[in-house]
Amino acid sequence: MKAWIYREYGGVDVLQLESDVPVPEINHDQVLIKVVAASLNPVDFKRRLGLFKPTDSPLPIVPGFDVAGVVVRVGSGVTNFKEGDEVYGDIIEKAFQNPKQFGSLAEYTAAEERLLALKPNNLDFVEAASLPLALETAYEGLERAAFSEGKSILVLGGAGGVGSLVIQLAKHVFGASMIAATASTLKLELVKSLGADLAIDYTKQNFEDLDTKFDLVYDAVGERDRAMKALKEGGSVVVVSQIEWLKAVDINDKLLVCQI
């Protein structure tokens, strides 16, 4: 099959499109997916640079976490899917602890049944492939911060991949009482359409100077120190950090760090 692959760590030049990569074999709990769409996330380039080398799988590596496609083969222990099913998911369960050697940037990929779901009929394959890891990150941050109905939230980077999903989850799943979000001038209407009650143009206004303070600030842009100033007493900050390990860190009971 064709697949993007790298045989050494480094810059983008180590990526090669090869046409003779073996189609993955599947285990009893896996399905083989004919890939229709796949998406890239920050973790993909960090992995390619070798930032996770001590705990990475052996080279060569086919990158890609997110996938949407059609099941073409099922393992003997698979019960929820059959050939022909349209599925999507994040196929690498542990990003930093011996992740899969073969990801989604290929014509075919193998994935455990538990990591997949049926693709919603109202999403095309490209839309479905764009969601899994960003959605997991958004949800995990809200969950770690114990965000709940009736609380207020400020989302920094509300028009981005993670931020846009945080707004929607906070509104429709967690029952936020008030949602504010920062965005550029051109994207203020977008964040409002996603559910933000207050859209803040970060090119014209400092969010930390608002009179309103929040139970949670979800920082998807790396403004931790400023985010702390926008908190109510006892509030929390979720930071999507750019270092290589996935962990949660509490600082003065106010900071939760969610890594991608």
C-alpha atoms as a PDB file:
ATOM      1  CA  MET A   1       0.000   0.000   0.000  1.00  0.00           C
ATOM      2  CA  LYS A   2       0.970   3.661  -0.171  1.00  0.00           C
ATOM      3  CA  ALA A   3       1.850   5.325   3.117  1.00  0.00           C
ATOM      4  CA  TRP A   4       3.722   8.296   4.513  1.00  0.00           C
ATOM      5  CA  ILE A   5       6.619   6.951   6.519  1.00  0.00           C
ATOM      6  CA  TYR A   6       9.816   8.071   8.217  1.00  0.00           C
ATOM      7  CA  ARG A   7      12.788   5.895   9.052  1.00  0.00           C
ATOM      8  CA  GLU A   8      14.676   8.442  11.153  1.00  0.00           C
ATOM      9  CA  TYR A   9      13.707  11.372  13.365  1.00  0.00           C
ATOM     10  CA  GLY A  10      14.046  14.888  12.036  1.00  0.00           C
ATOM     11  CA  GLY A  11      12.409  17.660  10.036  1.00  0.00           C
ATOM     12  CA  VAL A  12       9.710  17.323   7.431  1.00  0.00           C
ATOM     13  CA  ASP A  13      12.290  16.126   4.914  1.00  0.00           C
ATOM     14  CA  VAL A  14      12.471  12.704   6.630  1.00  0.00           C
ATOM     15  CA  LEU A  15       8.890  11.984   5.515  1.00  0.00           C
ATOM     16  CA  GLN A  16       8.661   9.788   2.435  1.00  0.00           C
ATOM     17  CA  LEU A  17       5.618   8.656   0.441  1.00  0.00           C
ATOM     18  CA  GLU A  18       6.278   4.988  -0.253  1.00  0.00           C
ATOM     19  CA  SER A  19       4.193   2.643  -2.380  1.00  0.00           C
ATOM     20  CA  ASP A  20       5.365  -0.763  -1.139  1.00  0.00           C
ATOM     21  CA  VAL A  21       4.489  -0.597   2.565  1.00  0.00           C
ATOM     22  CA  PRO A  22       2.877  -3.868   3.763  1.00  0.00           C
ATOM     23  CA  VAL A  23      -0.805  -3.699   4.648  1.00  0.00           C
ATOM     24  CA  PRO A  24      -1.051  -4.134   8.454  1.00  0.00           C
ATOM     25  CA  GLU A  25      -2.092  -7.477   9.895  1.00  0.00           C
ATOM     26  CA  ILE A  26      -4.907  -7.308  12.431  1.00  0.00           C
ATOM     27  CA  ASN A  27      -5.238  -8.896  15.856  1.00  0.00           C
ATOM     28  CA  HIS A  28      -8.422 -10.521  17.128  1.00  0.00           C
ATOM     29  CA  ASP A  29      -9.659  -7.250  18.657  1.00  0.00           C
ATOM     30  CA  GLN A  30      -8.847  -5.054  15.656  1.00  0.00           C
ATOM     31  CA  VAL A  31     -10.381  -4.051  12.352  1.00  0.00           C
ATOM     32  CA  LEU A  32      -8.622  -3.152   9.116  1.00  0.00           C
ATOM     33  CA  ILE A  33      -9.737   0.236   7.815  1.00  0.00           C
ATOM     34  CA  LYS A  34      -9.521   1.512   4.266  1.00  0.00           C
ATOM     35  CA  VAL A  35      -8.573   5.100   5.007  1.00  0.00           C
ATOM     36  CA  VAL A  36     -10.704   7.767   3.380  1.00  0.00           C
ATOM     37  CA  ALA A  37      -9.439  10.710   5.446  1.00  0.00           C
ATOM     38  CA  ALA A  38      -6.835  11.317   8.130  1.00  0.00           C
ATOM     39  CA  SER A  39      -5.804  14.426  10.038  1.00  0.00           C
ATOM     40  CA  LEU A  40      -2.625  15.758  11.617  1.00  0.00           C
ATOM     41  CA  ASN A  41      -2.178  17.102  15.139  1.00  0.00           C
ATOM     42  CA  PRO A  42       0.700  18.838  16.971  1.00  0.00           C
ATOM     43  CA  VAL A  43       1.683  15.511  18.526  1.00  0.00           C
ATOM     44  CA  ASP A  44       2.520  14.146  15.059  1.00  0.00           C
ATOM     45  CA  PHE A  45       5.333  16.609  14.350  1.00  0.00           C
ATOM     46  CA  LYS A  46       6.628  16.396  17.923  1.00  0.00           C
ATOM     47  CA  ARG A  47       6.848  12.638  17.558  1.00  0.00           C
ATOM     48  CA  ARG A  48       8.600  12.989  14.200  1.00  0.00           C
ATOM     49  CA  LEU A  49      11.171  15.297  15.784  1.00  0.00           C
ATOM     50  CA  GLY A  50      11.998  12.559  18.278  1.00  0.00           C
ATOM     51  CA  LEU A  51      10.621  14.288  21.380  1.00  0.00           C
ATOM     52  CA  PHE A  52       9.116  10.988  22.557  1.00  0.00           C
ATOM     53  CA  LYS A  53      12.039   8.833  21.463  1.00  0.00           C
ATOM     54  CA  PRO A  54      12.642   7.132  24.863  1.00  0.00           C
ATOM     55  CA  THR A  55       9.108   5.693  24.888  1.00  0.00           C
ATOM     56  CA  ASP A  56       8.312   5.622  21.170  1.00  0.00           C
ATOM     57  CA  SER A  57       7.749   2.493  19.110  1.00  0.00           C
ATOM     58  CA  PRO A  58      10.588   1.312  16.865  1.00  0.00           C
ATOM     59  CA  LEU A  59      11.278   3.019  13.549  1.00  0.00           C
ATOM     60  CA  PRO A  60      10.048   3.141  10.813  1.00  0.00           C
ATOM     61  CA  ILE A  61       6.837   4.967  11.727  1.00  0.00           C
ATOM     62  CA  VAL A  62       3.703   5.770   9.755  1.00  0.00           C
ATOM     63  CA  PRO A  63       2.352   8.928  11.437  1.00  0.00           C
ATOM     64  CA  GLY A  64      -1.249   9.890  12.107  1.00  0.00           C
ATOM     65  CA  PHE A  65      -3.621   9.528  15.056  1.00  0.00           C
ATOM     66  CA  ASP A  66      -7.014  10.453  13.581  1.00  0.00           C
ATOM     67  CA  VAL A  67      -8.778   8.464  10.897  1.00  0.00           C
ATOM     68  CA  ALA A  68     -12.091   8.027   9.125  1.00  0.00           C
ATOM     69  CA  GLY A  69     -12.726   5.208   6.716  1.00  0.00           C
ATOM     70  CA  VAL A  70     -14.441   1.942   5.881  1.00  0.00           C
ATOM     71  CA  VAL A  71     -13.966  -1.390   7.652  1.00  0.00           C
ATOM     72  CA  VAL A  72     -12.700  -3.999   5.191  1.00  0.00           C
ATOM     73  CA  ARG A  73     -11.739  -6.788   7.619  1.00  0.00           C
ATOM     74  CA  VAL A  74     -12.638  -7.660  11.198  1.00  0.00           C
ATOM     75  CA  GLY A  75     -10.777  -9.685  13.820  1.00  0.00           C
ATOM     76  CA  SER A  76     -12.283 -12.809  15.322  1.00  0.00           C
ATOM     77  CA  GLY A  77     -13.119 -11.046  18.590  1.00  0.00           C
ATOM     78  CA  VAL A  78     -14.754  -7.961  17.098  1.00  0.00           C
ATOM     79  CA  THR A  79     -18.482  -7.705  17.840  1.00  0.00           C
ATOM     80  CA  ASN A  80     -19.466  -4.081  17.194  1.00  0.00           C
ATOM     81  CA  PHE A  81     -18.343  -3.630  13.599  1.00  0.00           C
ATOM     82  CA  LYS A  82     -18.670  -5.472  10.298  1.00  0.00           C
ATOM     83  CA  GLU A  83     -17.196  -5.092   6.835  1.00  0.00           C
ATOM     84  CA  GLY A  84     -18.553  -2.002   5.134  1.00  0.00           C
ATOM     85  CA  ASP A  85     -19.095   0.015   8.317  1.00  0.00           C
ATOM     86  CA  GLU A  86     -17.995   3.655   8.143  1.00  0.00           C
ATOM     87  CA  VAL A  87     -15.958   4.421  11.266  1.00  0.00           C
ATOM     88  CA  TYR A  88     -13.782   7.108  12.796  1.00  0.00           C
ATOM     89  CA  GLY A  89     -11.528   7.530  15.817  1.00  0.00           C
ATOM     90  CA  ASP A  90      -8.142   8.244  17.353  1.00  0.00           C
ATOM     91  CA  ILE A  91      -6.364   4.959  16.713  1.00  0.00           C
ATOM     92  CA  ILE A  92      -3.355   5.522  19.010  1.00  0.00           C
ATOM     93  CA  GLU A  93      -4.482   4.997  22.578  1.00  0.00           C
ATOM     94  CA  LYS A  94      -1.269   5.981  24.385  1.00  0.00           C
ATOM     95  CA  ALA A  95       0.504   8.807  22.623  1.00  0.00           C
ATOM     96  CA  PHE A  96       3.637   8.748  24.757  1.00  0.00           C
ATOM     97  CA  GLN A  97       3.905   5.144  25.932  1.00  0.00           C
ATOM     98  CA  ASN A  98       4.901   2.852  23.076  1.00  0.00           C
ATOM     99  CA  PRO A  99       2.387   4.267  20.571  1.00  0.00           C
ATOM    100  CA  LYS A 100       1.444   2.339  17.452  1.00  0.00           C
ATOM    101  CA  GLN A 101       4.147   2.031  14.842  1.00  0.00           C
ATOM    102  CA  PHE A 102       1.632   2.327  11.999  1.00  0.00           C
ATOM    103  CA  GLY A 103      -0.771   5.282  12.127  1.00  0.00           C
ATOM    104  CA  SER A 104      -3.436   6.677   9.844  1.00  0.00           C
ATOM    105  CA  LEU A 105      -1.468   8.345   7.024  1.00  0.00           C
ATOM    106  CA  ALA A 106      -1.737   5.295   4.797  1.00  0.00           C
ATOM    107  CA  GLU A 107      -4.196   3.594   2.479  1.00  0.00           C
ATOM    108  CA  TYR A 108      -5.008   1.058   5.203  1.00  0.00           C
ATOM    109  CA  THR A 109      -4.591   1.039   8.957  1.00  0.00           C
ATOM    110  CA  ALA A 110      -5.459  -1.300  11.818  1.00  0.00           C
ATOM    111  CA  ALA A 111      -7.264  -0.175  14.962  1.00  0.00           C
ATOM    112  CA  GLU A 112      -8.692  -1.738  18.100  1.00  0.00           C
ATOM    113  CA  GLU A 113     -12.462  -1.963  18.165  1.00  0.00           C
ATOM    114  CA  ARG A 114     -12.684   0.024  21.417  1.00  0.00           C
ATOM    115  CA  LEU A 115     -10.982   3.055  19.824  1.00  0.00           C
ATOM    116  CA  LEU A 116     -13.561   3.473  17.064  1.00  0.00           C
ATOM    117  CA  ALA A 117     -17.145   4.589  16.639  1.00  0.00           C
ATOM    118  CA  LEU A 118     -19.544   4.557  13.727  1.00  0.00           C
ATOM    119  CA  LYS A 119     -19.200   7.736  11.687  1.00  0.00           C
ATOM    120  CA  PRO A 120     -22.258   9.957  12.185  1.00  0.00           C
ATOM    121  CA  ASN A 121     -24.345  10.200   9.018  1.00  0.00           C
ATOM    122  CA  ASN A 122     -24.321  13.990   9.132  1.00  0.00           C
ATOM    123  CA  LEU A 123     -20.508  14.141   8.897  1.00  0.00           C
ATOM    124  CA  ASP A 124     -18.468  13.415   5.798  1.00  0.00           C
ATOM    125  CA  PHE A 125     -15.191  11.527   6.150  1.00  0.00           C
ATOM    126  CA  VAL A 126     -12.998  14.632   6.223  1.00  0.00           C
ATOM    127  CA  GLU A 127     -15.112  16.252   8.940  1.00  0.00           C
ATOM    128  CA  ALA A 128     -15.089  13.049  10.991  1.00  0.00           C
ATOM    129  CA  ALA A 129     -11.313  12.634  10.710  1.00  0.00           C
ATOM    130  CA  SER A 130     -10.763  16.164  12.016  1.00  0.00           C
ATOM    131  CA  LEU A 131     -12.469  15.502  15.356  1.00  0.00           C
ATOM    132  CA  PRO A 132     -11.136  12.651  17.522  1.00  0.00           C
ATOM    133  CA  LEU A 133      -7.912  13.867  19.175  1.00  0.00           C
ATOM    134  CA  ALA A 134      -8.984  17.513  19.414  1.00  0.00           C
ATOM    135  CA  LEU A 135     -12.309  16.438  20.918  1.00  0.00           C
ATOM    136  CA  GLU A 136     -10.578  14.153  23.417  1.00  0.00           C
ATOM    137  CA  THR A 137      -8.294  17.029  24.446  1.00  0.00           C
ATOM    138  CA  ALA A 138     -11.211  19.427  24.867  1.00  0.00           C
ATOM    139  CA  TYR A 139     -13.266  16.971  26.899  1.00  0.00           C
ATOM    140  CA  GLU A 140     -10.369  15.810  29.050  1.00  0.00           C
ATOM    141  CA  GLY A 141      -9.543  19.352  30.111  1.00  0.00           C
ATOM    142  CA  LEU A 142     -13.112  20.066  31.183  1.00  0.00           C
ATOM    143  CA  GLU A 143     -13.295  16.748  32.998  1.00  0.00           C
ATOM    144  CA  ARG A 144      -9.982  17.221  34.837  1.00  0.00           C
ATOM    145  CA  ALA A 145     -11.078  20.652  35.990  1.00  0.00           C
ATOM    146  CA  ALA A 146     -14.337  19.178  37.329  1.00  0.00           C
ATOM    147  CA  PHE A 147     -16.292  21.664  35.221  1.00  0.00           C
ATOM    148  CA  SER A 148     -20.025  21.325  35.840  1.00  0.00           C
ATOM    149  CA  GLU A 149     -23.443  22.822  35.262  1.00  0.00           C
ATOM    150  CA  GLY A 150     -23.849  26.425  36.308  1.00  0.00           C
ATOM    151  CA  LYS A 151     -20.165  27.368  36.119  1.00  0.00           C
ATOM    152  CA  SER A 152     -18.659  30.048  33.868  1.00  0.00           C
ATOM    153  CA  ILE A 153     -15.792  29.555  31.438  1.00  0.00           C
ATOM    154  CA  LEU A 154     -13.407  31.657  29.366  1.00  0.00           C
ATOM    155  CA  VAL A 155     -11.909  29.904  26.334  1.00  0.00           C
ATOM    156  CA  LEU A 156      -8.650  31.331  25.002  1.00  0.00           C
ATOM    157  CA  GLY A 157      -8.391  30.505  21.320  1.00  0.00           C
ATOM    158  CA  GLY A 158     -12.091  29.889  20.811  1.00  0.00           C
ATOM    159  CA  ALA A 159     -11.856  29.625  17.032  1.00  0.00           C
ATOM    160  CA  GLY A 160      -9.126  26.956  17.061  1.00  0.00           C
ATOM    161  CA  GLY A 161      -9.529  23.201  16.806  1.00  0.00           C
ATOM    162  CA  VAL A 162      -9.588  22.508  20.550  1.00  0.00           C
ATOM    163  CA  GLY A 163     -11.127  25.829  21.595  1.00  0.00           C
ATOM    164  CA  SER A 164     -14.082  25.575  19.233  1.00  0.00           C
ATOM    165  CA  LEU A 165     -14.911  22.165  20.658  1.00  0.00           C
ATOM    166  CA  VAL A 166     -14.517  23.367  24.254  1.00  0.00           C
ATOM    167  CA  ILE A 167     -17.184  26.012  23.608  1.00  0.00           C
ATOM    168  CA  GLN A 168     -19.633  23.460  22.253  1.00  0.00           C
ATOM    169  CA  LEU A 169     -18.971  20.900  24.992  1.00  0.00           C
ATOM    170  CA  ALA A 170     -19.243  23.518  27.732  1.00  0.00           C
ATOM    171  CA  LYS A 171     -22.587  24.658  26.377  1.00  0.00           C
ATOM    172  CA  HIS A 172     -24.287  21.453  25.287  1.00  0.00           C
ATOM    173  CA  VAL A 173     -22.734  18.772  27.501  1.00  0.00           C
ATOM    174  CA  PHE A 174     -21.494  20.434  30.708  1.00  0.00           C
ATOM    175  CA  GLY A 175     -24.213  23.073  31.062  1.00  0.00           C
ATOM    176  CA  ALA A 176     -22.097  26.208  31.415  1.00  0.00           C
ATOM    177  CA  SER A 177     -23.911  29.257  32.768  1.00  0.00           C
ATOM    178  CA  MET A 178     -21.775  31.677  30.789  1.00  0.00           C
ATOM    179  CA  ILE A 179     -19.201  31.189  28.020  1.00  0.00           C
ATOM    180  CA  ALA A 180     -16.700  33.795  26.887  1.00  0.00           C
ATOM    181  CA  ALA A 181     -14.097  33.201  24.192  1.00  0.00           C
ATOM    182  CA  THR A 182     -11.234  35.079  22.595  1.00  0.00           C
ATOM    183  CA  ALA A 183     -10.771  35.233  18.835  1.00  0.00           C
ATOM    184  CA  SER A 184      -9.453  37.524  16.120  1.00  0.00           C
ATOM    185  CA  THR A 185     -11.719  40.205  14.647  1.00  0.00           C
ATOM    186  CA  LEU A 186     -12.729  38.074  11.668  1.00  0.00           C
ATOM    187  CA  LYS A 187     -13.694  35.094  13.827  1.00  0.00           C
ATOM    188  CA  LEU A 188     -15.844  36.762  16.495  1.00  0.00           C
ATOM    189  CA  GLU A 189     -19.077  35.762  14.793  1.00  0.00           C
ATOM    190  CA  LEU A 190     -17.840  32.180  14.491  1.00  0.00           C
ATOM    191  CA  VAL A 191     -17.318  31.770  18.234  1.00  0.00           C
ATOM    192  CA  LYS A 192     -20.727  33.334  18.866  1.00  0.00           C
ATOM    193  CA  SER A 193     -22.312  30.852  16.484  1.00  0.00           C
ATOM    194  CA  LEU A 194     -20.660  27.991  18.387  1.00  0.00           C
ATOM    195  CA  GLY A 195     -22.255  29.110  21.644  1.00  0.00           C
ATOM    196  CA  ALA A 196     -20.115  31.862  23.172  1.00  0.00           C
ATOM    197  CA  ASP A 197     -22.157  34.461  25.057  1.00  0.00           C
ATOM    198  CA  LEU A 198     -19.268  36.924  24.921  1.00  0.00           C
ATOM    199  CA  ALA A 199     -16.741  37.123  22.088  1.00  0.00           C
ATOM    200  CA  ILE A 200     -13.554  39.011  22.945  1.00  0.00           C
ATOM    201  CA  ASP A 201     -11.371  40.435  20.186  1.00  0.00           C
ATOM    202  CA  TYR A 202      -7.879  39.711  21.490  1.00  0.00           C
ATOM    203  CA  THR A 203      -6.371  42.216  19.039  1.00  0.00           C
ATOM    204  CA  LYS A 204      -8.254  45.058  20.769  1.00  0.00           C
ATOM    205  CA  GLN A 205      -8.934  43.964  24.340  1.00  0.00           C
ATOM    206  CA  ASN A 206      -7.057  42.226  27.156  1.00  0.00           C
ATOM    207  CA  PHE A 207      -9.276  39.503  28.540  1.00  0.00           C
ATOM    208  CA  GLU A 208      -7.648  39.672  31.968  1.00  0.00           C
ATOM    209  CA  ASP A 209      -8.862  43.282  32.339  1.00  0.00           C
ATOM    210  CA  LEU A 210     -12.528  42.300  32.209  1.00  0.00           C
ATOM    211  CA  ASP A 211     -14.583  42.981  35.319  1.00  0.00           C
ATOM    212  CA  THR A 212     -16.099  39.520  34.905  1.00  0.00           C
ATOM    213  CA  LYS A 213     -14.069  36.637  36.339  1.00  0.00           C
ATOM    214  CA  PHE A 214     -14.526  32.951  35.582  1.00  0.00           C
ATOM    215  CA  ASP A 215     -14.740  29.586  37.293  1.00  0.00           C
ATOM    216  CA  LEU A 216     -12.555  28.095  34.568  1.00  0.00           C
ATOM    217  CA  VAL A 217     -10.183  29.480  31.977  1.00  0.00           C
ATOM    218  CA  TYR A 218      -9.380  26.979  29.220  1.00  0.00           C
ATOM    219  CA  ASP A 219      -6.105  28.143  27.699  1.00  0.00           C
ATOM    220  CA  ALA A 220      -5.504  26.688  24.255  1.00  0.00           C
ATOM    221  CA  VAL A 221      -2.958  29.327  23.225  1.00  0.00           C
ATOM    222  CA  GLY A 222      -0.283  29.317  25.955  1.00  0.00           C
ATOM    223  CA  GLU A 223      -1.195  32.347  28.103  1.00  0.00           C
ATOM    224  CA  ARG A 224      -1.118  30.690  31.521  1.00  0.00           C
ATOM    225  CA  ASP A 225       0.023  33.684  33.580  1.00  0.00           C
ATOM    226  CA  ARG A 226      -2.576  35.993  32.046  1.00  0.00           C
ATOM    227  CA  ALA A 227      -5.228  33.296  32.370  1.00  0.00           C
ATOM    228  CA  MET A 228      -4.669  33.118  36.125  1.00  0.00           C
ATOM    229  CA  LYS A 229      -5.703  36.790  36.408  1.00  0.00           C
ATOM    230  CA  ALA A 230      -9.117  36.058  34.884  1.00  0.00           C
ATOM    231  CA  LEU A 231     -10.122  33.538  37.565  1.00  0.00           C
ATOM    232  CA  LYS A 232     -12.662  33.749  40.315  1.00  0.00           C
ATOM    233  CA  GLU A 233     -11.433  32.773  43.763  1.00  0.00           C
ATOM    234  CA  GLY A 234     -11.052  28.978  43.752  1.00  0.00           C
ATOM    235  CA  GLY A 235     -11.182  28.766  39.969  1.00  0.00           C
ATOM    236  CA  SER A 236      -9.053  26.625  37.671  1.00  0.00           C
ATOM    237  CA  VAL A 237      -6.988  27.068  34.540  1.00  0.00           C
ATOM    238  CA  VAL A 238      -6.641  24.316  31.964  1.00  0.00           C
ATOM    239  CA  VAL A 239      -3.551  24.769  29.809  1.00  0.00           C
ATOM    240  CA  VAL A 240      -2.958  22.843  26.613  1.00  0.00           C
ATOM    241  CA  SER A 241       0.819  22.752  26.886  1.00  0.00           C
ATOM    242  CA  GLN A 242       3.395  22.295  24.153  1.00  0.00           C
ATOM    243  CA  ILE A 243       5.888  20.030  25.915  1.00  0.00           C
ATOM    244  CA  GLU A 244       6.262  16.379  25.247  1.00  0.00           C
ATOM    245  CA  TRP A 245       4.646  14.528  28.172  1.00  0.00           C
ATOM    246  CA  LEU A 246       1.000  14.017  28.970  1.00  0.00           C
ATOM    247  CA  LYS A 247       0.316  14.769  32.609  1.00  0.00           C
ATOM    248  CA  ALA A 248      -1.719  16.895  34.984  1.00  0.00           C
ATOM    249  CA  VAL A 249       0.028  19.345  37.278  1.00  0.00           C
ATOM    250  CA  ASP A 250      -1.665  21.234  40.127  1.00  0.00           C
ATOM    251  CA  ILE A 251      -0.167  24.588  41.095  1.00  0.00           C
ATOM    252  CA  ASN A 252      -1.766  26.296  44.099  1.00  0.00           C
ATOM    253  CA  ASP A 253      -4.965  24.357  43.367  1.00  0.00           C
ATOM    254  CA  LYS A 254      -5.580  26.600  40.380  1.00  0.00           C
ATOM    255  CA  LEU A 255      -3.740  25.063  37.461  1.00  0.00           C
ATOM    256  CA  LEU A 256      -4.462  21.918  35.530  1.00  0.00           C
ATOM    257  CA  VAL A 257      -2.169  21.201  32.620  1.00  0.00           C
ATOM    258  CA  CYS A 258      -3.530  19.145  29.756  1.00  0.00           C
ATOM    259  CA  GLN A 259      -0.893  18.123  27.233  1.00  0.00           C
ATOM    260  CA  ILE A 260      -1.444  17.122  23.632  1.00  0.00           C
END
